[in-house]
């Protein structure tokens, strides 16, 4: 192989390698949905933010938080979420295990129950998806990041 052919082969390999690197996502998750739901938990009004994303494995996962609307301090309850994509069933455990939401989602509606950790209290949950702007999503994402920081910071 002459020097020109070696140089061209190296350039081709370098270009292929660079294309491969730029096509790989470095720690970037693909966001599938970011949704806000509003409605009732028992007789209390709540807002629930739900984000569904896919990591590079690919694993689809959900993160979220909710707050009581009468809460004027903007304190959200972080949720640890396990769900079935095919059945649209969600189990959402409040951080510090203060309660569990067991919900089913169908056509923009969440329905189910909230259960206290000891199982003695149960409240019906009915939520409807509401439209939100990109600016509102950004603010909710900042709040979700902050809640994760508070919950998991050493």
N, C-alpha and C. Protein backbone atom coordinates (compact mmCIF):
# COMPACT_ATOMS: atom_id res chain seq x y z
N UNK A 1 0.86 -1.17 0.00
CA UNK A 1 0.00 0.00 0.00
C UNK A 1 0.90 1.23 0.00
N UNK A 2 0.66 2.16 -0.94
CA UNK A 2 1.51 3.34 -1.00
C UNK A 2 1.09 4.37 0.05
N UNK A 3 1.90 5.41 0.17
CA UNK A 3 1.71 6.43 1.20
C UNK A 3 0.37 7.16 1.04
N UNK A 4 -0.05 7.45 -0.19
CA UNK A 4 -1.32 8.15 -0.44
C UNK A 4 -2.50 7.30 -0.01
N UNK A 5 -2.47 6.02 -0.33
CA UNK A 5 -3.55 5.12 0.06
C UNK A 5 -3.65 4.99 1.58
N UNK A 6 -2.48 4.91 2.26
CA UNK A 6 -2.48 4.83 3.72
C UNK A 6 -3.08 6.09 4.33
N UNK A 7 -2.72 7.25 3.78
CA UNK A 7 -3.23 8.52 4.27
C UNK A 7 -4.74 8.59 4.07
N UNK A 8 -5.22 8.21 2.89
CA UNK A 8 -6.67 8.22 2.61
C UNK A 8 -7.41 7.26 3.53
N UNK A 9 -6.85 6.08 3.77
CA UNK A 9 -7.48 5.10 4.65
C UNK A 9 -7.55 5.63 6.08
N UNK A 10 -6.47 6.29 6.53
CA UNK A 10 -6.47 6.87 7.87
C UNK A 10 -7.50 7.98 7.98
N UNK A 11 -7.63 8.81 6.94
CA UNK A 11 -8.63 9.89 6.95
C UNK A 11 -10.03 9.29 7.01
N UNK A 12 -10.26 8.24 6.21
CA UNK A 12 -11.58 7.59 6.20
C UNK A 12 -11.90 7.00 7.57
N UNK A 13 -10.92 6.33 8.17
CA UNK A 13 -11.12 5.75 9.50
C UNK A 13 -11.37 6.83 10.55
N UNK A 14 -10.62 7.94 10.46
CA UNK A 14 -10.79 9.04 11.39
C UNK A 14 -12.18 9.65 11.26
N UNK A 15 -12.63 9.86 10.04
CA UNK A 15 -13.97 10.43 9.80
C UNK A 15 -15.04 9.48 10.34
N UNK A 16 -14.89 8.19 10.08
CA UNK A 16 -15.87 7.21 10.58
C UNK A 16 -15.90 7.22 12.11
N UNK A 17 -14.72 7.30 12.73
CA UNK A 17 -14.64 7.33 14.18
C UNK A 17 -15.30 8.59 14.74
N UNK A 18 -15.03 9.73 14.14
CA UNK A 18 -15.64 10.99 14.59
C UNK A 18 -17.16 10.97 14.43
N UNK A 19 -17.64 10.41 13.33
CA UNK A 19 -19.09 10.29 13.14
C UNK A 19 -19.70 9.39 14.20
N UNK A 20 -19.02 8.32 14.53
CA UNK A 20 -19.52 7.42 15.57
C UNK A 20 -19.58 8.12 16.91
N UNK A 21 -18.53 8.85 17.25
CA UNK A 21 -18.49 9.56 18.53
C UNK A 21 -19.59 10.62 18.60
N UNK A 22 -19.78 11.38 17.53
CA UNK A 22 -20.79 12.43 17.58
C UNK A 22 -22.20 11.87 17.58
N UNK A 23 -22.39 10.63 17.13
CA UNK A 23 -23.73 10.06 17.13
C UNK A 23 -24.08 9.43 18.48
N UNK A 24 -23.07 9.19 19.33
CA UNK A 24 -23.31 8.60 20.64
C UNK A 24 -23.67 9.72 21.61
N UNK A 25 -24.69 9.49 22.40
CA UNK A 25 -25.11 10.47 23.40
C UNK A 25 -24.32 10.25 24.68
N UNK A 26 -23.64 11.27 25.16
CA UNK A 26 -22.84 11.17 26.37
C UNK A 26 -23.69 11.58 27.57
N UNK A 27 -24.33 10.59 28.21
CA UNK A 27 -25.10 10.89 29.40
C UNK A 27 -26.39 11.64 29.13
N UNK A 28 -26.75 11.80 27.89
CA UNK A 28 -27.96 12.52 27.54
C UNK A 28 -29.12 11.54 27.51
N UNK A 29 -30.14 11.82 28.29
CA UNK A 29 -31.34 11.01 28.24
C UNK A 29 -32.29 11.63 27.22
N UNK A 30 -33.08 10.79 26.60
CA UNK A 30 -34.09 11.26 25.65
C UNK A 30 -35.40 11.45 26.41
N UNK A 31 -35.90 12.65 26.43
CA UNK A 31 -37.16 12.93 27.13
C UNK A 31 -38.31 12.49 26.24
N UNK A 32 -39.16 11.64 26.79
CA UNK A 32 -40.33 11.16 26.08
C UNK A 32 -41.52 12.07 26.33
N UNK A 33 -41.73 12.46 27.59
CA UNK A 33 -42.83 13.37 27.91
C UNK A 33 -42.55 14.11 29.21
N UNK A 34 -43.12 15.29 29.30
CA UNK A 34 -43.09 16.12 30.50
C UNK A 34 -44.49 16.66 30.66
N UNK A 35 -45.20 16.20 31.70
CA UNK A 35 -46.62 16.51 31.81
C UNK A 35 -46.97 16.99 33.21
N UNK A 36 -47.97 17.87 33.24
CA UNK A 36 -48.51 18.35 34.50
C UNK A 36 -49.96 17.91 34.60
N UNK A 37 -50.30 17.36 35.76
CA UNK A 37 -51.67 16.92 36.02
C UNK A 37 -52.19 17.68 37.23
N UNK A 38 -53.47 18.00 37.20
CA UNK A 38 -54.09 18.67 38.33
C UNK A 38 -55.40 17.98 38.66
N UNK A 39 -55.74 18.03 39.94
CA UNK A 39 -56.99 17.40 40.35
C UNK A 39 -57.03 17.24 41.86
N UNK A 40 -57.62 16.13 42.28
CA UNK A 40 -57.89 15.91 43.70
C UNK A 40 -57.22 14.65 44.23
N UNK A 41 -56.70 14.78 45.44
CA UNK A 41 -56.27 13.66 46.26
C UNK A 41 -57.17 13.75 47.49
N UNK A 42 -58.17 12.88 47.57
CA UNK A 42 -59.20 13.04 48.59
C UNK A 42 -59.96 14.32 48.31
N UNK A 43 -60.01 15.20 49.31
CA UNK A 43 -60.68 16.49 49.09
C UNK A 43 -59.68 17.64 48.89
N UNK A 44 -58.40 17.31 48.74
CA UNK A 44 -57.35 18.31 48.56
C UNK A 44 -56.98 18.45 47.09
N UNK A 45 -56.75 19.68 46.64
CA UNK A 45 -56.31 19.93 45.27
C UNK A 45 -54.80 19.76 45.19
N UNK A 46 -54.35 19.03 44.15
CA UNK A 46 -52.91 18.81 43.98
C UNK A 46 -52.50 19.06 42.53
N UNK A 47 -51.21 19.25 42.35
CA UNK A 47 -50.55 19.30 41.04
C UNK A 47 -49.49 18.22 41.05
N UNK A 48 -49.40 17.44 39.97
CA UNK A 48 -48.42 16.38 39.85
C UNK A 48 -47.64 16.58 38.56
N UNK A 49 -46.31 16.66 38.68
CA UNK A 49 -45.44 16.77 37.51
C UNK A 49 -44.81 15.42 37.25
N UNK A 50 -44.90 14.94 36.01
CA UNK A 50 -44.38 13.64 35.62
C UNK A 50 -43.48 13.79 34.40
N UNK A 51 -42.28 13.24 34.50
CA UNK A 51 -41.35 13.23 33.37
C UNK A 51 -41.00 11.78 33.06
N UNK A 52 -41.13 11.41 31.79
CA UNK A 52 -40.76 10.08 31.35
C UNK A 52 -39.63 10.24 30.35
N UNK A 53 -38.57 9.47 30.54
CA UNK A 53 -37.39 9.59 29.69
C UNK A 53 -36.78 8.20 29.44
N UNK A 54 -35.83 8.19 28.52
CA UNK A 54 -35.12 6.95 28.19
C UNK A 54 -33.63 7.22 28.29
N UNK A 55 -32.92 6.32 28.98
CA UNK A 55 -31.47 6.47 29.05
C UNK A 55 -30.82 5.68 27.93
N UNK A 56 -29.53 5.64 27.91
CA UNK A 56 -28.81 5.01 26.81
C UNK A 56 -28.82 3.49 26.80
N UNK A 57 -29.40 2.84 27.80
CA UNK A 57 -29.33 1.38 27.91
C UNK A 57 -30.14 0.59 26.88
N UNK A 58 -31.25 0.82 26.38
CA UNK A 58 -32.24 1.84 26.72
C UNK A 58 -33.21 1.36 27.81
N UNK A 59 -33.38 2.17 28.81
CA UNK A 59 -34.33 1.91 29.87
C UNK A 59 -35.25 3.12 29.96
N UNK A 60 -36.54 2.89 29.94
CA UNK A 60 -37.51 3.97 30.10
C UNK A 60 -37.80 4.09 31.60
N UNK A 61 -37.72 5.31 32.10
CA UNK A 61 -37.96 5.54 33.52
C UNK A 61 -38.81 6.79 33.71
N UNK A 62 -39.39 6.92 34.90
CA UNK A 62 -40.22 8.07 35.21
C UNK A 62 -39.72 8.72 36.49
N UNK A 63 -39.79 10.04 36.53
CA UNK A 63 -39.50 10.81 37.73
C UNK A 63 -40.65 11.79 37.92
N UNK A 64 -40.84 12.25 39.14
CA UNK A 64 -41.93 13.17 39.35
C UNK A 64 -41.99 13.70 40.76
N UNK A 65 -42.97 14.56 40.95
CA UNK A 65 -43.20 15.20 42.24
C UNK A 65 -44.62 15.73 42.24
N UNK A 66 -45.17 15.97 43.44
CA UNK A 66 -46.47 16.61 43.52
C UNK A 66 -46.53 17.53 44.72
N UNK A 67 -47.50 18.41 44.68
CA UNK A 67 -47.69 19.33 45.80
C UNK A 67 -49.17 19.60 45.98
N UNK A 68 -49.50 19.95 47.21
CA UNK A 68 -50.85 20.38 47.52
C UNK A 68 -50.98 21.84 47.11
N UNK A 69 -52.05 22.17 46.42
CA UNK A 69 -52.19 23.54 45.90
C UNK A 69 -52.32 24.58 47.01
N UNK A 70 -52.87 24.21 48.15
CA UNK A 70 -53.00 25.19 49.24
C UNK A 70 -51.65 25.48 49.89
N UNK A 71 -50.63 24.72 49.51
CA UNK A 71 -49.27 24.90 50.02
C UNK A 71 -48.68 26.16 49.38
N UNK A 72 -48.61 27.21 50.12
CA UNK A 72 -48.13 28.49 49.59
C UNK A 72 -46.61 28.59 49.52
N UNK A 73 -45.89 27.65 50.15
CA UNK A 73 -44.42 27.71 50.17
C UNK A 73 -43.80 26.98 48.98
N UNK A 74 -44.61 26.44 48.09
CA UNK A 74 -44.13 25.75 46.89
C UNK A 74 -43.28 24.52 47.22
N UNK A 75 -43.62 23.84 48.33
CA UNK A 75 -42.93 22.60 48.69
C UNK A 75 -43.54 21.44 47.92
N UNK A 76 -42.69 20.71 47.23
CA UNK A 76 -43.11 19.56 46.45
C UNK A 76 -42.67 18.29 47.15
N UNK A 77 -43.42 17.21 46.95
CA UNK A 77 -43.06 15.89 47.46
C UNK A 77 -42.44 15.10 46.32
N UNK A 78 -41.19 14.72 46.48
CA UNK A 78 -40.49 13.94 45.46
C UNK A 78 -41.06 12.53 45.43
N UNK A 79 -41.18 11.97 44.22
CA UNK A 79 -41.75 10.63 44.05
C UNK A 79 -40.73 9.68 43.44
N UNK A 80 -40.63 8.49 44.00
CA UNK A 80 -39.86 7.40 43.40
C UNK A 80 -40.89 6.58 42.63
N UNK A 81 -40.70 6.43 41.32
CA UNK A 81 -41.76 5.88 40.47
C UNK A 81 -41.33 4.59 39.79
N UNK A 82 -42.22 3.60 39.86
CA UNK A 82 -42.11 2.36 39.11
C UNK A 82 -43.37 2.29 38.27
N UNK A 83 -43.21 1.91 36.98
CA UNK A 83 -44.41 1.87 36.15
C UNK A 83 -44.31 0.84 35.05
N UNK A 84 -45.48 0.48 34.53
CA UNK A 84 -45.60 -0.43 33.40
C UNK A 84 -45.99 0.40 32.19
N UNK A 85 -45.11 0.43 31.19
CA UNK A 85 -45.42 1.17 29.96
C UNK A 85 -46.65 0.61 29.27
N UNK A 86 -46.74 -0.69 29.19
CA UNK A 86 -47.82 -1.32 28.44
C UNK A 86 -49.18 -1.16 29.11
N UNK A 87 -49.20 -1.19 30.44
CA UNK A 87 -50.47 -1.09 31.16
C UNK A 87 -50.76 0.32 31.66
N UNK A 88 -49.78 1.23 31.54
CA UNK A 88 -49.91 2.59 32.05
C UNK A 88 -50.29 2.61 33.52
N UNK A 89 -49.67 1.72 34.30
CA UNK A 89 -49.89 1.66 35.73
C UNK A 89 -48.65 2.20 36.44
N UNK A 90 -48.88 3.06 37.42
CA UNK A 90 -47.79 3.74 38.11
C UNK A 90 -47.91 3.51 39.62
N UNK A 91 -46.78 3.21 40.24
CA UNK A 91 -46.68 3.18 41.70
C UNK A 91 -45.67 4.25 42.07
N UNK A 92 -46.14 5.24 42.82
CA UNK A 92 -45.33 6.41 43.14
C UNK A 92 -45.19 6.50 44.66
N UNK A 93 -43.98 6.29 45.15
CA UNK A 93 -43.72 6.32 46.58
C UNK A 93 -43.15 7.68 46.94
N UNK A 94 -43.78 8.33 47.90
CA UNK A 94 -43.29 9.63 48.35
C UNK A 94 -41.94 9.44 49.04
N UNK A 95 -41.02 10.37 48.76
CA UNK A 95 -39.72 10.33 49.41
C UNK A 95 -39.94 10.35 50.92
N UNK A 96 -39.18 9.61 51.66
CA UNK A 96 -39.32 9.38 53.10
C UNK A 96 -40.52 8.49 53.41
N UNK A 97 -41.10 7.84 52.38
CA UNK A 97 -42.17 6.87 52.55
C UNK A 97 -43.34 7.41 53.38
N UNK A 98 -43.83 8.59 53.02
CA UNK A 98 -44.95 9.18 53.74
C UNK A 98 -46.29 8.84 53.09
N UNK A 99 -46.26 8.16 51.97
CA UNK A 99 -47.48 7.73 51.29
C UNK A 99 -47.15 7.14 49.93
N UNK A 100 -48.13 6.45 49.35
CA UNK A 100 -47.96 5.81 48.05
C UNK A 100 -49.16 6.14 47.17
N UNK A 101 -48.87 6.54 45.94
CA UNK A 101 -49.91 6.73 44.94
C UNK A 101 -49.91 5.52 44.02
N UNK A 102 -51.05 4.90 43.83
CA UNK A 102 -51.19 3.77 42.91
C UNK A 102 -52.18 4.24 41.85
N UNK A 103 -51.66 4.52 40.65
CA UNK A 103 -52.45 5.20 39.63
C UNK A 103 -52.41 4.47 38.29
N UNK A 104 -53.48 4.63 37.54
CA UNK A 104 -53.55 4.16 36.16
C UNK A 104 -53.81 5.38 35.28
N UNK A 105 -53.08 5.47 34.17
CA UNK A 105 -53.22 6.61 33.26
C UNK A 105 -53.91 6.14 31.98
N UNK A 106 -54.92 6.90 31.58
CA UNK A 106 -55.63 6.60 30.34
C UNK A 106 -56.11 7.91 29.73
N UNK A 107 -55.65 8.17 28.51
CA UNK A 107 -56.09 9.34 27.74
C UNK A 107 -56.02 10.64 28.54
N UNK A 108 -54.86 10.91 29.15
CA UNK A 108 -54.65 12.17 29.85
C UNK A 108 -55.30 12.25 31.22
N UNK A 109 -55.70 11.11 31.77
CA UNK A 109 -56.33 11.09 33.10
C UNK A 109 -55.62 10.05 33.97
N UNK A 110 -55.28 10.47 35.18
CA UNK A 110 -54.76 9.55 36.18
C UNK A 110 -55.88 9.28 37.18
N UNK A 111 -56.10 8.01 37.49
CA UNK A 111 -57.07 7.64 38.52
C UNK A 111 -56.46 6.55 39.39
N UNK A 112 -56.81 6.58 40.66
CA UNK A 112 -56.32 5.56 41.56
C UNK A 112 -56.51 5.97 43.00
N UNK A 113 -55.54 5.55 43.83
CA UNK A 113 -55.64 5.83 45.26
C UNK A 113 -54.30 6.28 45.82
N UNK A 114 -54.38 7.00 46.94
CA UNK A 114 -53.23 7.30 47.78
C UNK A 114 -53.41 6.48 49.04
N UNK A 115 -52.32 5.84 49.50
CA UNK A 115 -52.38 5.00 50.70
C UNK A 115 -51.30 5.46 51.67
N UNK A 116 -51.68 5.58 52.93
CA UNK A 116 -50.69 5.92 53.96
C UNK A 116 -49.77 4.72 54.18
N UNK A 117 -48.57 4.95 54.73
CA UNK A 117 -47.62 3.85 54.91
C UNK A 117 -48.16 2.70 55.77
N UNK A 118 -49.01 3.01 56.74
CA UNK A 118 -49.57 1.94 57.58
C UNK A 118 -50.82 1.31 56.96
N UNK A 119 -51.28 1.83 55.83
CA UNK A 119 -52.44 1.28 55.13
C UNK A 119 -53.78 1.66 55.74
N UNK A 120 -53.79 2.46 56.80
CA UNK A 120 -55.03 2.80 57.48
C UNK A 120 -55.81 3.92 56.80
N UNK A 121 -55.12 4.75 56.04
CA UNK A 121 -55.79 5.84 55.33
C UNK A 121 -55.67 5.60 53.83
N UNK A 122 -56.78 5.80 53.13
CA UNK A 122 -56.78 5.72 51.68
C UNK A 122 -57.68 6.82 51.15
N UNK A 123 -57.19 7.47 50.09
CA UNK A 123 -57.97 8.53 49.45
C UNK A 123 -57.98 8.31 47.95
N UNK A 124 -59.10 8.62 47.35
CA UNK A 124 -59.23 8.52 45.90
C UNK A 124 -58.42 9.64 45.25
N UNK A 125 -57.82 9.34 44.09
CA UNK A 125 -57.03 10.32 43.33
C UNK A 125 -57.60 10.40 41.92
N UNK A 126 -57.88 11.62 41.48
CA UNK A 126 -58.35 11.88 40.12
C UNK A 126 -57.63 13.11 39.59
N UNK A 127 -56.86 12.91 38.52
CA UNK A 127 -56.06 14.00 37.96
C UNK A 127 -56.27 14.08 36.45
N UNK A 128 -56.21 15.30 35.93
CA UNK A 128 -56.36 15.54 34.50
C UNK A 128 -55.13 16.28 34.00
N UNK A 129 -54.63 15.84 32.84
CA UNK A 129 -53.47 16.50 32.23
C UNK A 129 -53.85 17.91 31.80
N UNK A 130 -52.97 18.87 32.12
CA UNK A 130 -53.19 20.26 31.72
C UNK A 130 -52.06 20.70 30.80
N UNK A 131 -52.36 21.66 29.95
CA UNK A 131 -51.34 22.18 29.04
C UNK A 131 -50.39 23.09 29.81
N UNK A 132 -49.10 22.96 29.47
CA UNK A 132 -48.09 23.82 30.07
C UNK A 132 -47.14 24.32 28.99
N UNK A 133 -46.60 25.49 29.24
CA UNK A 133 -45.69 26.12 28.29
C UNK A 133 -44.26 25.60 28.50
N UNK A 134 -43.40 25.76 27.52
CA UNK A 134 -41.99 25.39 27.71
C UNK A 134 -41.35 26.11 28.90
N UNK A 135 -41.73 27.33 29.15
CA UNK A 135 -41.21 28.08 30.29
C UNK A 135 -41.65 27.43 31.61
N UNK A 136 -42.90 26.99 31.67
CA UNK A 136 -43.39 26.31 32.87
C UNK A 136 -42.67 24.97 33.06
N UNK A 137 -42.43 24.25 31.95
CA UNK A 137 -41.69 22.99 32.03
C UNK A 137 -40.29 23.24 32.58
N UNK A 138 -39.64 24.29 32.11
CA UNK A 138 -38.29 24.62 32.58
C UNK A 138 -38.29 24.87 34.09
N UNK A 139 -39.29 25.61 34.58
CA UNK A 139 -39.37 25.89 36.02
C UNK A 139 -39.63 24.61 36.82
N UNK A 140 -40.50 23.73 36.29
CA UNK A 140 -40.77 22.47 36.96
C UNK A 140 -39.53 21.57 36.98
N UNK A 141 -38.77 21.57 35.88
CA UNK A 141 -37.54 20.79 35.82
C UNK A 141 -36.51 21.30 36.83
N UNK A 142 -36.41 22.61 36.96
CA UNK A 142 -35.50 23.18 37.96
C UNK A 142 -35.91 22.76 39.37
N UNK A 143 -37.21 22.78 39.63
CA UNK A 143 -37.72 22.38 40.94
C UNK A 143 -37.48 20.89 41.18
N UNK A 144 -37.69 20.05 40.16
CA UNK A 144 -37.44 18.61 40.27
C UNK A 144 -35.96 18.35 40.56
N UNK A 145 -35.08 19.04 39.86
CA UNK A 145 -33.64 18.89 40.11
C UNK A 145 -33.29 19.29 41.54
N UNK A 146 -33.89 20.37 42.01
CA UNK A 146 -33.64 20.84 43.37
C UNK A 146 -34.14 19.83 44.40
N UNK A 147 -35.33 19.26 44.16
CA UNK A 147 -35.87 18.26 45.08
C UNK A 147 -34.97 17.02 45.11
N UNK A 148 -34.46 16.59 43.95
CA UNK A 148 -33.52 15.47 43.91
C UNK A 148 -32.25 15.80 44.66
N UNK A 149 -31.77 17.02 44.51
CA UNK A 149 -30.57 17.44 45.23
C UNK A 149 -30.78 17.35 46.74
N UNK A 150 -31.91 17.92 47.22
CA UNK A 150 -32.20 17.88 48.65
C UNK A 150 -32.35 16.45 49.18
N UNK A 151 -32.96 15.59 48.36
CA UNK A 151 -33.24 14.22 48.79
C UNK A 151 -32.00 13.33 48.77
N UNK A 152 -31.09 13.57 47.84
CA UNK A 152 -29.98 12.63 47.64
C UNK A 152 -28.60 13.22 47.87
N UNK A 153 -28.52 14.47 48.32
CA UNK A 153 -27.21 15.07 48.56
C UNK A 153 -26.63 14.50 49.85
N UNK A 154 -25.37 14.17 49.81
CA UNK A 154 -24.70 13.63 51.00
C UNK A 154 -24.51 14.76 51.97
